[in-house]
Every structure is written in C-alpha cells, then in structure tokens.
Amino acid sequence: MAAAIAPEALTAADRCDRCGARAYIRVTLPGGGELLFCAHHGRTHAPALEAVEATIQDESSELAEKTPAIAPDGEH
C-alpha cells in the first residue's frame, strides 16, 4: 500500500475556477482532474462534488483566522 501524500497548501496564486478570487478549496475529481474554488463557490458546489465522491481539500478556515471579528479602534 502506498503512503498517502499530503496535498500542497493553497497559496494566494491559486485562483477560483469560477470567479477568479483566491482559492481556498481544491477538489480532485474521481476520474482525475482538479478544480479550485473560493470559499463561496466551494460551498455552493459541495453537495454535487460530495455526491460524485470527489476529494475536497478545504482551507477556508484560514479566512476566520485572517479576518478580525471587529474593526480596530478608530475604524467604522
């Protein structure tokens, strides 16, 4: 049995195939091929991708880490 190889992390250079925004989700299709999606389009297409048993690498949790919950003092 071959060892599983961890997928490469997505970077700012990876863009959503649907809208061109930064990709946070990589989908590997069962027959081969890869799709990249922003968090919005990844959520939109997730049910159909799960139905065909695609492998989904979701790094959208990084958005919560990078986005402050409230604006800093002085910003409204």
C-alpha atoms as a PDB file:
ATOM      1  CA  MET A   1       0.000   0.000   0.000  1.00  0.00           C
ATOM      2  CA  ALA A   2       1.406   3.388  -0.996  1.00  0.00           C
ATOM      3  CA  ALA A   3       1.679   6.102   1.620  1.00  0.00           C
ATOM      4  CA  ALA A   4      -0.759   8.977   1.275  1.00  0.00           C
ATOM      5  CA  ILE A   5       0.848  12.214   0.201  1.00  0.00           C
ATOM      6  CA  ALA A   6      -0.455  15.361   1.849  1.00  0.00           C
ATOM      7  CA  PRO A   7      -1.723  17.857  -0.736  1.00  0.00           C
ATOM      8  CA  GLU A   8       0.159  21.113  -1.117  1.00  0.00           C
ATOM      9  CA  ALA A   9      -1.306  24.077   0.696  1.00  0.00           C
ATOM     10  CA  LEU A  10      -3.167  26.555  -1.464  1.00  0.00           C
ATOM     11  CA  THR A  11      -1.473  29.937  -1.943  1.00  0.00           C
ATOM     12  CA  ALA A  12      -2.572  33.415  -2.992  1.00  0.00           C
ATOM     13  CA  ALA A  13      -1.566  32.478  -6.543  1.00  0.00           C
ATOM     14  CA  ASP A  14      -4.290  29.781  -6.661  1.00  0.00           C
ATOM     15  CA  ARG A  15      -7.477  31.263  -8.123  1.00  0.00           C
ATOM     16  CA  CYS A  16     -11.107  30.126  -8.191  1.00  0.00           C
ATOM     17  CA  ASP A  17     -12.005  28.484 -11.499  1.00  0.00           C
ATOM     18  CA  ARG A  18     -15.454  30.084 -11.308  1.00  0.00           C
ATOM     19  CA  CYS A  19     -14.777  33.746 -10.412  1.00  0.00           C
ATOM     20  CA  GLY A  20     -11.026  34.283 -10.138  1.00  0.00           C
ATOM     21  CA  ALA A  21     -10.986  35.083  -6.406  1.00  0.00           C
ATOM     22  CA  ARG A  22      -8.387  33.466  -4.158  1.00  0.00           C
ATOM     23  CA  ALA A  23      -8.982  29.713  -3.946  1.00  0.00           C
ATOM     24  CA  TYR A  24      -9.391  28.114  -0.536  1.00  0.00           C
ATOM     25  CA  ILE A  25     -10.816  24.790  -1.761  1.00  0.00           C
ATOM     26  CA  ARG A  26      -9.138  22.218  -4.013  1.00  0.00           C
ATOM     27  CA  VAL A  27     -11.286  19.444  -5.474  1.00  0.00           C
ATOM     28  CA  THR A  28      -9.804  16.324  -7.021  1.00  0.00           C
ATOM     29  CA  LEU A  29     -12.330  14.530  -9.195  1.00  0.00           C
ATOM     30  CA  PRO A  30     -12.580  10.714  -9.107  1.00  0.00           C
ATOM     31  CA  GLY A  31     -11.578  10.398 -12.769  1.00  0.00           C
ATOM     32  CA  GLY A  32      -8.657  12.781 -12.348  1.00  0.00           C
ATOM     33  CA  GLY A  33      -8.579  16.493 -12.816  1.00  0.00           C
ATOM     34  CA  GLU A  34      -8.618  19.278 -10.310  1.00  0.00           C
ATOM     35  CA  LEU A  35     -10.855  22.248  -9.616  1.00  0.00           C
ATOM     36  CA  LEU A  36     -10.115  25.258  -7.425  1.00  0.00           C
ATOM     37  CA  PHE A  37     -12.838  27.292  -5.734  1.00  0.00           C
ATOM     38  CA  CYS A  38     -13.136  30.314  -3.470  1.00  0.00           C
ATOM     39  CA  ALA A  39     -14.968  29.593  -0.210  1.00  0.00           C
ATOM     40  CA  HIS A  40     -18.295  30.826  -1.640  1.00  0.00           C
ATOM     41  CA  HIS A  41     -18.242  28.685  -4.777  1.00  0.00           C
ATOM     42  CA  GLY A  42     -16.831  25.730  -2.854  1.00  0.00           C
ATOM     43  CA  ARG A  43     -19.843  25.803  -0.517  1.00  0.00           C
ATOM     44  CA  THR A  44     -22.193  26.233  -3.476  1.00  0.00           C
ATOM     45  CA  HIS A  45     -20.859  23.197  -5.348  1.00  0.00           C
ATOM     46  CA  ALA A  46     -20.040  20.983  -2.323  1.00  0.00           C
ATOM     47  CA  PRO A  47     -23.228  18.850  -2.425  1.00  0.00           C
ATOM     48  CA  ALA A  48     -22.716  17.868  -6.071  1.00  0.00           C
ATOM     49  CA  LEU A  49     -18.997  17.222  -5.547  1.00  0.00           C
ATOM     50  CA  GLU A  50     -19.652  15.058  -2.486  1.00  0.00           C
ATOM     51  CA  ALA A  51     -22.261  13.110  -4.485  1.00  0.00           C
ATOM     52  CA  VAL A  52     -19.609  12.061  -7.018  1.00  0.00           C
ATOM     53  CA  GLU A  53     -17.169  11.263  -4.180  1.00  0.00           C
ATOM     54  CA  ALA A  54     -14.660  13.953  -5.106  1.00  0.00           C
ATOM     55  CA  THR A  55     -11.801  14.572  -2.692  1.00  0.00           C
ATOM     56  CA  ILE A  56     -12.183  18.024  -1.153  1.00  0.00           C
ATOM     57  CA  GLN A  57      -9.303  19.917   0.470  1.00  0.00           C
ATOM     58  CA  ASP A  58     -10.934  22.806   2.341  1.00  0.00           C
ATOM     59  CA  GLU A  59      -8.667  25.540   3.718  1.00  0.00           C
ATOM     60  CA  SER A  60     -11.445  28.120   4.131  1.00  0.00           C
ATOM     61  CA  SER A  61     -10.912  28.111   7.912  1.00  0.00           C
ATOM     62  CA  GLU A  62      -7.933  30.387   7.185  1.00  0.00           C
ATOM     63  CA  LEU A  63     -10.432  33.145   6.399  1.00  0.00           C
ATOM     64  CA  ALA A  64     -11.604  33.266  10.018  1.00  0.00           C
ATOM     65  CA  GLU A  65      -8.007  33.439  11.235  1.00  0.00           C
ATOM     66  CA  LYS A  66      -7.173  36.366   8.923  1.00  0.00           C
ATOM     67  CA  THR A  67     -10.367  38.385   9.330  1.00  0.00           C
ATOM     68  CA  PRO A  68     -10.836  40.307  12.579  1.00  0.00           C
ATOM     69  CA  ALA A  69     -14.222  39.896  14.252  1.00  0.00           C
ATOM     70  CA  ILE A  70     -14.465  43.640  14.873  1.00  0.00           C
ATOM     71  CA  ALA A  71     -12.848  46.693  13.310  1.00  0.00           C
ATOM     72  CA  PRO A  72      -9.870  48.155  15.186  1.00  0.00           C
ATOM     73  CA  ASP A  73     -10.481  51.315  17.247  1.00  0.00           C
ATOM     74  CA  GLY A  74     -10.923  54.328  15.007  1.00  0.00           C
ATOM     75  CA  GLU A  75     -12.316  52.328  12.082  1.00  0.00           C
ATOM     76  CA  HIS A  76     -16.041  52.156  11.459  1.00  0.00           C
END
